[in-house]
Amino acid sequence: MANILIIDDDVTFCLMLKTLLEKNGYEVKNVFSPVEAKMIIAEKFFDVVLTDMRMPEINGLELTALIKNQSPDTQIIMMTGYADITTAIKSIKQGAFDYIPKPLNPDEVLNAIKEALTAGSQKYPESYKKPEPLSFSYLEGFSNTSQQLKEYISQVAPTSISVLITGESGTGKEYIARLIHNKSRRAELPFVAVDCGTISKELAASEFFGHIKGSFTGAIVDKTGYFESANGGTLFLDEVGNLSYDTQIQLLRALQENRVKPVGTTREIKVDVRIIAATNENLAGGMERGTFRKDLYHRLNEFQIMVPRLCERKTDIMVFAHYFLEQANTYLNKSVSGFEKNIEPVFLNYDWPGNLRELKNIVKRATLLSKGRYITIKEIPEELYEKSVLTGRSGLSHEEDEPGAIRKALEVAENNKSKAARLLKIDRKTLYNKLKLYDIIVP
């Protein structure tokens, strides 16, 4: 039975969510303060933590970092209003598994927990040696930018040179790393992914190089490190910019010598690993500040791939949306056929700060909520089209084309005048006056 911790200062909400999860077979603990949560997490392991983004004393970002530091294997799901989506995406960078919007949909909560538990169960055990190649689904896209990305992957994959993948959170950097591995001569050997943001300075040597029983307090069994686990294959260092300076020194030495020494022994192990690293940080800035070693940077950056933002691949957006719809249909056992036509301009004009990850979440949520054959504007978060359809990016600013902006708002709002007025950021009476002024008839 999975253990779940709920952290929220809204007592009534906590109790309602606890009841829902217990009815579905989970063991649940509620706490109403992040300070209390810190003490409980230090004493007991939880498979999943659901935490609110905005709380007194400690915010969701700080709490995520704290939990992942104390309990790296705990999966964190952030509960947030859509006004905080950008911050929620930052929490994923800190190590959160996912975020779900408030007000919560019960099915969406249960699905998110199911996914988090599945992801947690797929982590490599300490006895991990050489599993079968990991299978995964990846769509390359058809835009010029995507085709250039595809060409870079095809060129670098057959080689053994190190690759540095850069790009914003949610752009699919790990998928690209896996694709490089699967197209390489090492495809039948291990691909080991390491979240560098969760590795503490004190345990870095043990994590990367392993240790023997009794080598330090808490070392109750021998442990195989990431390098040895990936021997012959690929070691993927995600968010490599988060490594401490001392850990960077140890890592560089291992890469230069192709040997590692488990903590507590003088025995050296020869290893052959290909390194693929990823970051959404500015490593050049880190080198200038002295927080990232230049020699390690040049060792990792033999070939760099910059992954573009989703909003820079506009011709791919609906392609990805349909791809994620297929995945959502399979996962949710639904048969939604597609999107109504007024969804496309909303998707194309939105900034997508969370990139592919955000699009996937939006489509999955809409699929869950859909009651018909097509996803409609009703299943898309209102804040999504508030920030996209009626801005200068769509060419429908009030000053340049006020009648056009009004017609677009009515289209998006499906002729709901109150919603259209909110989108236009005017009151209902003003909207009626403008409808009369421009002779716009609403069915």
Protein backbone atom coordinates (compact mmCIF):
# COMPACT_ATOMS: atom_id res chain seq x y z
CA MET A 1 0.00 0.00 0.00
CA ALA A 2 1.48 3.33 -1.08
CA ASN A 3 2.04 6.03 1.56
CA ILE A 4 0.87 9.51 0.60
CA LEU A 5 1.44 12.80 2.42
CA ILE A 6 -0.85 15.79 1.79
CA ILE A 7 0.49 19.24 2.70
CA ASP A 8 -1.99 22.13 2.58
CA ASP A 9 -3.03 24.82 5.04
CA ASP A 10 -6.67 24.42 3.98
CA VAL A 11 -7.91 21.90 6.58
CA THR A 12 -11.24 21.16 4.89
CA PHE A 13 -9.57 20.59 1.53
CA CYS A 14 -7.00 18.27 3.11
CA LEU A 15 -9.65 16.14 4.77
CA MET A 16 -11.69 15.84 1.58
CA LEU A 17 -8.64 14.79 -0.42
CA LYS A 18 -7.62 12.32 2.30
CA THR A 19 -11.06 10.70 2.15
CA LEU A 20 -10.85 10.35 -1.63
CA LEU A 21 -7.43 8.72 -1.54
CA GLU A 22 -8.24 6.37 1.33
CA LYS A 23 -11.32 5.16 -0.56
CA ASN A 24 -8.96 4.24 -3.38
CA GLY A 25 -6.73 2.13 -1.19
CA TYR A 26 -3.94 4.55 -0.21
CA GLU A 27 -2.48 5.15 3.24
CA VAL A 28 -2.74 8.92 3.75
CA LYS A 29 -1.30 11.41 6.23
CA ASN A 30 -2.41 15.06 6.39
CA VAL A 31 -0.33 17.98 7.64
CA PHE A 32 -1.44 21.61 7.57
CA SER A 33 1.94 23.32 7.86
CA PRO A 34 5.17 22.95 5.82
CA VAL A 35 7.15 23.19 9.06
CA GLU A 36 5.29 20.15 10.41
CA ALA A 37 5.85 18.43 7.05
CA LYS A 38 9.63 18.88 7.39
CA MET A 39 9.63 16.96 10.68
CA ILE A 40 7.43 14.13 9.40
CA ILE A 41 9.41 13.63 6.18
CA ALA A 42 12.60 13.35 8.22
CA GLU A 43 11.03 10.49 10.21
CA LYS A 44 9.07 8.52 7.62
CA PHE A 45 9.27 7.69 3.90
CA PHE A 46 6.33 8.64 1.66
CA ASP A 47 5.91 7.33 -1.88
CA VAL A 48 4.07 10.48 -2.98
CA VAL A 49 3.73 13.97 -1.52
CA LEU A 50 0.92 16.27 -2.70
CA THR A 51 1.67 19.81 -1.65
CA ASP A 52 0.11 23.21 -2.19
CA MET A 53 2.22 25.83 -3.96
CA ARG A 54 1.34 28.80 -1.76
CA MET A 55 1.71 28.32 1.98
CA PRO A 56 2.96 30.45 4.85
CA GLU A 57 6.55 30.06 6.07
CA ILE A 58 7.81 27.85 3.22
CA ASN A 59 6.65 28.00 -0.41
CA GLY A 60 6.26 25.05 -2.74
CA LEU A 61 9.62 25.54 -4.47
CA GLU A 62 11.54 25.54 -1.19
CA LEU A 63 9.57 22.57 0.08
CA THR A 64 10.23 20.58 -3.10
CA ALA A 65 13.98 21.11 -2.78
CA LEU A 66 13.85 20.14 0.90
CA ILE A 67 11.87 16.94 0.28
CA LYS A 68 14.08 15.80 -2.61
CA ASN A 69 17.18 16.43 -0.51
CA GLN A 70 15.88 14.36 2.41
CA SER A 71 14.02 11.71 0.39
CA PRO A 72 15.16 11.56 -3.27
CA ASP A 73 12.84 8.64 -4.14
CA THR A 74 9.68 10.45 -3.02
CA GLN A 75 7.55 11.68 -5.93
CA ILE A 76 6.17 15.20 -5.50
CA ILE A 77 2.96 16.46 -7.10
CA MET A 78 2.37 20.21 -6.86
CA MET A 79 -1.23 21.43 -6.46
CA THR A 80 -1.60 24.93 -7.86
CA GLY A 81 -3.93 27.48 -9.36
CA TYR A 82 -3.27 28.35 -12.99
CA ALA A 83 -1.97 31.75 -11.94
CA ASP A 84 1.01 29.88 -10.46
CA ILE A 85 1.71 27.58 -13.42
CA THR A 86 5.08 29.20 -14.21
CA THR A 87 6.18 28.66 -10.61
CA ALA A 88 4.88 25.09 -10.73
CA ILE A 89 7.07 24.45 -13.75
CA LYS A 90 10.04 25.74 -11.77
CA SER A 91 9.18 23.19 -9.08
CA ILE A 92 9.62 20.43 -11.67
CA LYS A 93 13.13 21.73 -12.22
CA GLN A 94 13.64 21.38 -8.46
CA GLY A 95 12.59 17.73 -8.68
CA ALA A 96 8.78 17.65 -8.55
CA PHE A 97 7.21 14.90 -10.66
CA ASP A 98 4.20 16.85 -11.93
CA TYR A 99 1.65 19.53 -11.10
CA ILE A 100 -2.15 19.48 -11.15
CA PRO A 101 -4.37 22.57 -11.27
CA LYS A 102 -6.90 23.62 -8.66
CA PRO A 103 -9.80 23.11 -8.34
CA LEU A 104 -8.82 19.45 -8.41
CA ASN A 105 -10.63 16.87 -10.51
CA PRO A 106 -10.75 13.55 -8.58
CA ASP A 107 -9.93 11.42 -11.63
CA GLU A 108 -7.06 13.72 -12.53
CA VAL A 109 -5.64 13.43 -9.00
CA LEU A 110 -5.86 9.63 -9.05
CA ASN A 111 -4.25 9.44 -12.49
CA ALA A 112 -1.40 11.74 -11.43
CA ILE A 113 -0.72 9.58 -8.37
CA LYS A 114 -0.82 6.43 -10.48
CA GLU A 115 1.73 7.90 -12.89
CA ALA A 116 3.95 9.06 -10.04
CA LEU A 117 3.92 5.61 -8.43
CA THR A 118 4.64 3.96 -11.77
CA ALA A 119 7.59 6.28 -12.36
CA GLY A 120 8.87 5.60 -8.85
CA SER A 121 8.69 1.83 -9.33
CA GLN A 122 10.81 2.11 -12.49
CA LYS A 123 13.82 3.56 -10.67
CA TYR A 124 16.88 1.33 -10.81
CA PRO A 125 17.44 -0.77 -7.68
CA GLU A 126 20.87 -0.89 -6.13
CA SER A 127 21.38 -4.37 -7.65
CA TYR A 128 20.89 -2.85 -11.11
CA LYS A 129 23.36 -4.16 -13.68
CA LYS A 130 22.41 -4.22 -17.34
CA PRO A 131 18.68 -4.06 -18.14
CA GLU A 132 17.14 -4.27 -21.57
CA PRO A 133 17.17 -1.01 -23.54
CA LEU A 134 14.49 1.39 -22.33
CA SER A 135 11.57 1.81 -24.71
CA PHE A 136 9.89 5.19 -25.00
CA SER A 137 7.71 7.20 -27.31
CA TYR A 138 9.07 10.26 -29.10
CA LEU A 139 7.73 12.46 -31.91
CA GLU A 140 10.34 14.50 -33.76
CA GLY A 141 8.08 17.12 -35.34
CA PHE A 142 7.99 18.38 -38.92
CA SER A 143 8.98 22.06 -38.71
CA ASN A 144 12.31 23.23 -40.11
CA THR A 145 13.58 23.61 -36.55
CA SER A 146 12.55 20.06 -35.70
CA GLN A 147 14.14 18.67 -38.84
CA GLN A 148 17.41 20.42 -37.98
CA LEU A 149 17.22 18.89 -34.51
CA LYS A 150 16.63 15.46 -36.09
CA GLU A 151 19.68 15.92 -38.33
CA TYR A 152 21.91 16.81 -35.37
CA ILE A 153 20.74 13.71 -33.49
CA SER A 154 21.40 11.47 -36.49
CA GLN A 155 24.89 12.93 -36.94
CA VAL A 156 26.05 12.64 -33.34
CA ALA A 157 24.32 9.39 -32.28
CA PRO A 158 26.70 6.89 -33.97
CA THR A 159 29.76 8.52 -32.40
CA SER A 160 31.02 8.28 -28.83
CA ILE A 161 31.57 11.99 -28.27
CA SER A 162 29.96 13.71 -25.29
CA VAL A 163 26.80 15.72 -25.93
CA LEU A 164 25.49 18.72 -24.01
CA ILE A 165 21.75 19.29 -24.49
CA THR A 166 20.52 22.76 -23.56
CA GLY A 167 17.02 24.19 -23.45
CA GLU A 168 14.18 25.25 -21.20
CA SER A 169 12.44 22.93 -18.77
CA GLY A 170 9.86 20.72 -20.47
CA THR A 171 11.37 20.84 -23.97
CA GLY A 172 12.17 17.11 -23.97
CA LYS A 173 15.90 17.03 -23.24
CA GLU A 174 15.82 13.56 -21.68
CA TYR A 175 13.83 12.19 -24.62
CA ILE A 176 16.52 13.48 -26.97
CA ALA A 177 19.24 11.91 -24.82
CA ARG A 178 17.42 8.57 -24.96
CA LEU A 179 16.99 8.92 -28.72
CA ILE A 180 20.72 9.51 -29.15
CA HIS A 181 21.41 6.42 -27.06
CA ASN A 182 18.90 4.27 -28.96
CA LYS A 183 20.45 5.30 -32.30
CA SER A 184 24.00 4.60 -31.08
CA ARG A 185 26.13 1.48 -31.06
CA ARG A 186 25.45 1.30 -27.31
CA ALA A 187 21.69 0.88 -27.74
CA GLU A 188 21.66 -2.67 -26.33
CA LEU A 189 23.52 -1.56 -23.22
CA PRO A 190 22.31 0.52 -20.22
CA PHE A 191 20.99 4.06 -20.32
CA VAL A 192 21.24 5.43 -16.78
CA ALA A 193 19.60 8.80 -16.06
CA VAL A 194 20.83 10.82 -13.09
CA ASP A 195 18.99 13.85 -11.68
CA CYS A 196 21.95 15.95 -10.57
CA GLY A 197 19.66 18.32 -8.72
CA THR A 198 18.89 15.69 -6.08
CA ILE A 199 22.48 14.64 -5.36
CA SER A 200 23.92 16.14 -2.19
CA LYS A 201 27.60 17.03 -1.93
CA GLU A 202 28.03 14.53 0.92
CA LEU A 203 26.63 11.52 -0.97
CA ALA A 204 27.85 12.36 -4.48
CA ALA A 205 30.84 10.01 -4.44
CA SER A 206 28.66 7.13 -3.24
CA GLU A 207 25.99 7.85 -5.85
CA PHE A 208 28.39 8.10 -8.78
CA PHE A 209 31.07 5.58 -7.79
CA GLY A 210 29.34 3.25 -5.29
CA HIS A 211 30.45 2.20 -1.83
CA ILE A 212 31.14 -0.91 0.21
CA LYS A 213 29.27 -1.96 3.32
CA GLY A 214 30.43 -0.12 6.44
CA SER A 215 32.37 2.58 4.60
CA PHE A 216 30.33 5.28 6.34
CA THR A 217 27.35 5.62 8.67
CA GLY A 218 24.30 4.35 6.84
CA ALA A 219 26.24 2.18 4.37
CA ILE A 220 24.55 -1.04 5.46
CA VAL A 221 25.03 -2.86 2.12
CA ASP A 222 27.35 -2.58 -0.87
CA LYS A 223 26.11 -0.17 -3.51
CA THR A 224 26.82 -0.03 -7.24
CA GLY A 225 27.39 3.53 -8.46
CA TYR A 226 25.96 5.16 -11.57
CA PHE A 227 29.19 4.81 -13.55
CA GLU A 228 29.44 1.08 -13.01
CA SER A 229 25.71 0.63 -13.65
CA ALA A 230 26.08 2.41 -17.00
CA ASN A 231 29.27 0.58 -17.99
CA GLY A 232 29.29 0.04 -21.74
CA GLY A 233 26.28 2.30 -22.21
CA THR A 234 25.25 5.90 -21.66
CA LEU A 235 25.24 7.99 -18.48
CA PHE A 236 22.77 10.87 -18.73
CA LEU A 237 23.47 13.76 -16.35
CA ASP A 238 20.27 15.79 -16.16
CA GLU A 239 20.54 19.38 -14.83
CA VAL A 240 24.31 19.00 -14.60
CA GLY A 241 24.63 22.66 -13.59
CA ASN A 242 23.29 21.76 -10.14
CA LEU A 243 26.35 19.70 -9.17
CA SER A 244 28.48 21.14 -6.38
CA TYR A 245 31.98 22.33 -7.26
CA ASP A 246 33.62 19.47 -5.34
CA THR A 247 31.44 16.93 -7.13
CA GLN A 248 32.44 18.46 -10.47
CA ILE A 249 36.09 17.78 -9.61
CA GLN A 250 35.35 14.14 -8.81
CA LEU A 251 33.29 13.73 -11.96
CA LEU A 252 35.96 15.27 -14.18
CA ARG A 253 38.62 12.93 -12.77
CA ALA A 254 36.44 9.89 -13.49
CA LEU A 255 35.79 11.06 -17.06
CA GLN A 256 39.47 11.70 -17.73
CA GLU A 257 40.72 8.41 -16.29
CA ASN A 258 37.76 6.17 -17.20
CA ARG A 259 38.12 4.65 -13.75
CA VAL A 260 36.13 4.93 -10.55
CA LYS A 261 36.92 4.00 -6.97
CA PRO A 262 33.98 2.97 -4.72
CA VAL A 263 33.90 4.72 -1.35
CA GLY A 264 35.66 2.64 1.32
CA THR A 265 37.99 0.75 -1.00
CA THR A 266 41.26 1.25 -2.90
CA ARG A 267 40.00 -0.95 -5.74
CA GLU A 268 39.63 0.86 -9.05
CA ILE A 269 37.04 -0.18 -11.60
CA LYS A 270 37.60 0.53 -15.28
CA VAL A 271 34.47 1.91 -16.92
CA ASP A 272 33.45 2.80 -20.47
CA VAL A 273 30.51 5.21 -20.54
CA ARG A 274 29.29 7.78 -22.99
CA ILE A 275 28.25 11.02 -21.30
CA ILE A 276 25.19 13.00 -22.33
CA ALA A 277 24.48 16.01 -20.12
CA ALA A 278 21.53 18.40 -20.08
CA THR A 279 20.85 21.75 -18.48
CA ASN A 280 18.44 24.65 -18.58
CA GLU A 281 21.04 26.78 -16.78
CA ASN A 282 23.51 29.15 -18.41
CA LEU A 283 26.73 27.20 -17.82
CA ALA A 284 28.78 29.95 -19.48
CA GLY A 285 27.50 32.30 -16.79
CA GLY A 286 28.37 29.70 -14.16
CA MET A 287 31.94 29.57 -15.44
CA GLU A 288 32.21 33.36 -15.22
CA ARG A 289 30.93 33.27 -11.63
CA GLY A 290 33.27 30.43 -10.76
CA THR A 291 30.49 27.98 -9.89
CA PHE A 292 31.05 25.66 -12.86
CA ARG A 293 34.45 24.37 -13.92
CA LYS A 294 35.64 25.32 -17.39
CA ASP A 295 37.51 22.04 -17.90
CA LEU A 296 34.39 20.01 -17.08
CA TYR A 297 32.27 22.20 -19.36
CA HIS A 298 34.59 21.60 -22.31
CA ARG A 299 34.71 17.87 -21.51
CA LEU A 300 30.90 17.67 -21.60
CA ASN A 301 30.40 20.07 -24.51
CA GLU A 302 32.08 18.20 -27.37
CA PHE A 303 28.82 18.62 -29.28
CA GLN A 304 25.95 20.87 -28.21
CA ILE A 305 22.29 20.54 -29.12
CA MET A 306 20.00 23.46 -28.31
CA VAL A 307 16.38 22.30 -27.97
CA PRO A 308 13.98 25.05 -29.09
CA ARG A 309 11.00 26.27 -27.09
CA LEU A 310 7.63 24.92 -28.16
CA CYS A 311 6.40 28.40 -29.16
CA GLU A 312 9.30 28.52 -31.65
CA ARG A 313 7.93 25.41 -33.38
CA LYS A 314 4.43 26.65 -34.17
CA THR A 315 3.86 24.32 -37.10
CA ASP A 316 4.48 21.40 -34.76
CA ILE A 317 2.13 22.44 -31.96
CA MET A 318 -1.03 20.76 -33.27
CA VAL A 319 1.01 17.75 -34.41
CA PHE A 320 2.24 17.31 -30.85
CA ALA A 321 -1.26 18.00 -29.50
CA HIS A 322 -2.75 15.14 -31.54
CA TYR A 323 0.16 12.90 -30.55
CA PHE A 324 -0.46 13.59 -26.87
CA LEU A 325 -4.18 13.05 -27.46
CA GLU A 326 -3.48 9.53 -28.70
CA GLN A 327 -1.40 8.85 -25.62
CA ALA A 328 -4.10 10.27 -23.33
CA ASN A 329 -6.81 8.16 -25.02
CA THR A 330 -4.76 5.03 -24.41
CA TYR A 331 -3.94 5.90 -20.82
CA LEU A 332 -7.46 7.02 -19.89
CA ASN A 333 -9.24 4.39 -21.99
CA LYS A 334 -11.10 7.06 -23.96
CA SER A 335 -11.75 7.65 -27.66
CA VAL A 336 -11.64 11.40 -28.23
CA SER A 337 -11.14 12.01 -31.97
CA GLY A 338 -9.56 15.46 -32.03
CA PHE A 339 -9.93 19.17 -31.29
CA GLU A 340 -12.63 21.64 -32.27
CA LYS A 341 -11.36 24.27 -34.72
CA ASN A 342 -11.32 27.13 -32.20
CA ILE A 343 -8.71 25.30 -30.10
CA GLU A 344 -5.97 25.74 -32.71
CA PRO A 345 -5.62 29.55 -32.53
CA VAL A 346 -5.51 29.33 -28.74
CA PHE A 347 -2.72 26.76 -28.84
CA LEU A 348 -0.77 28.56 -31.56
CA ASN A 349 -0.81 31.95 -29.82
CA TYR A 350 -0.03 30.77 -26.29
CA ASP A 351 3.56 31.11 -25.00
CA TRP A 352 3.77 27.57 -23.52
CA PRO A 353 6.22 28.42 -20.70
CA GLY A 354 6.17 24.73 -19.73
CA ASN A 355 6.81 23.67 -23.34
CA LEU A 356 5.98 20.09 -24.36
CA ARG A 357 5.39 18.99 -20.77
CA GLU A 358 2.73 21.67 -20.30
CA LEU A 359 1.05 20.84 -23.63
CA LYS A 360 0.96 17.16 -22.70
CA ASN A 361 -0.63 17.95 -19.33
CA ILE A 362 -3.22 20.29 -20.88
CA VAL A 363 -4.21 17.71 -23.50
CA LYS A 364 -4.37 14.89 -20.97
CA ARG A 365 -6.56 16.96 -18.66
CA ALA A 366 -8.83 17.99 -21.53
CA THR A 367 -9.15 14.38 -22.67
CA LEU A 368 -10.15 13.37 -19.16
CA LEU A 369 -12.79 16.11 -18.97
CA SER A 370 -14.11 15.68 -22.52
CA LYS A 371 -17.65 14.30 -22.78
CA GLY A 372 -17.92 14.25 -26.56
CA ARG A 373 -16.06 13.27 -29.67
CA TYR A 374 -13.89 16.40 -29.73
CA ILE A 375 -12.06 18.47 -27.15
CA THR A 376 -13.80 21.84 -26.91
CA ILE A 377 -12.85 25.20 -25.48
CA LYS A 378 -14.72 24.19 -22.31
CA GLU A 379 -12.05 21.62 -21.48
CA ILE A 380 -9.17 24.09 -21.88
CA PRO A 381 -8.19 26.21 -18.85
CA GLU A 382 -9.63 29.70 -19.23
CA GLU A 383 -6.31 31.27 -18.31
CA LEU A 384 -4.76 29.62 -21.36
CA TYR A 385 -6.74 31.60 -23.88
CA GLU A 386 -6.86 34.72 -21.70
CA LYS A 387 -3.09 34.91 -22.17
CA SER A 388 -3.02 34.03 -25.85
CA VAL A 389 -5.97 34.74 -28.09
CA LEU A 390 -6.53 38.43 -27.34
CA THR A 391 -2.96 39.67 -27.29
CA GLY A 392 -0.75 41.37 -29.79
CA ARG A 393 0.70 37.97 -30.78
CA SER A 394 -2.60 37.06 -32.43
CA GLY A 395 -2.76 40.37 -34.32
CA LEU A 396 -6.03 41.29 -32.63
CA SER A 397 -5.08 44.04 -30.23
CA HIS A 398 -7.88 46.38 -29.18
CA GLU A 399 -6.28 49.44 -30.75
CA GLU A 400 -5.69 47.89 -34.17
CA ASP A 401 -8.86 45.82 -34.59
CA GLU A 402 -11.33 46.16 -31.76
CA PRO A 403 -14.27 44.61 -33.65
CA GLY A 404 -12.03 41.69 -34.61
CA ALA A 405 -10.93 41.23 -31.01
CA ILE A 406 -14.56 41.20 -29.88
CA ARG A 407 -15.52 38.62 -32.51
CA LYS A 408 -12.53 36.47 -31.55
CA ALA A 409 -13.44 36.65 -27.87
CA LEU A 410 -17.02 35.62 -28.66
CA GLU A 411 -15.74 32.73 -30.77
CA VAL A 412 -13.46 31.50 -28.03
CA ALA A 413 -16.18 31.96 -25.40
CA GLU A 414 -18.74 30.21 -27.62
CA ASN A 415 -20.88 33.38 -27.59
CA ASN A 416 -20.99 33.53 -23.81
CA LYS A 417 -21.02 37.32 -23.34
CA SER A 418 -19.91 37.27 -19.71
CA LYS A 419 -16.87 35.13 -20.52
CA ALA A 420 -16.09 37.22 -23.62
CA ALA A 421 -16.18 40.38 -21.49
CA ARG A 422 -13.72 38.82 -19.02
CA LEU A 423 -11.40 37.88 -21.88
CA LEU A 424 -11.52 41.43 -23.18
CA LYS A 425 -11.03 42.76 -19.64
CA ILE A 426 -14.12 44.97 -19.87
CA ASP A 427 -17.43 44.81 -18.03
CA ARG A 428 -20.55 43.26 -19.54
CA LYS A 429 -22.28 46.63 -20.08
CA THR A 430 -19.30 47.95 -22.05
CA LEU A 431 -19.36 44.83 -24.20
CA TYR A 432 -23.06 45.34 -24.99
CA ASN A 433 -22.36 48.94 -26.00
CA LYS A 434 -19.56 47.87 -28.31
CA LEU A 435 -21.67 45.11 -29.85
CA LYS A 436 -24.25 47.77 -30.70
CA LEU A 437 -21.57 50.19 -31.92
CA TYR A 438 -20.03 47.71 -34.33
CA ASP A 439 -23.33 46.06 -35.25
CA ILE A 440 -22.14 42.65 -34.05
CA ILE A 441 -25.00 40.20 -33.74
CA VAL A 442 -24.59 37.36 -31.23
CA PRO A 443 -26.80 34.27 -31.76
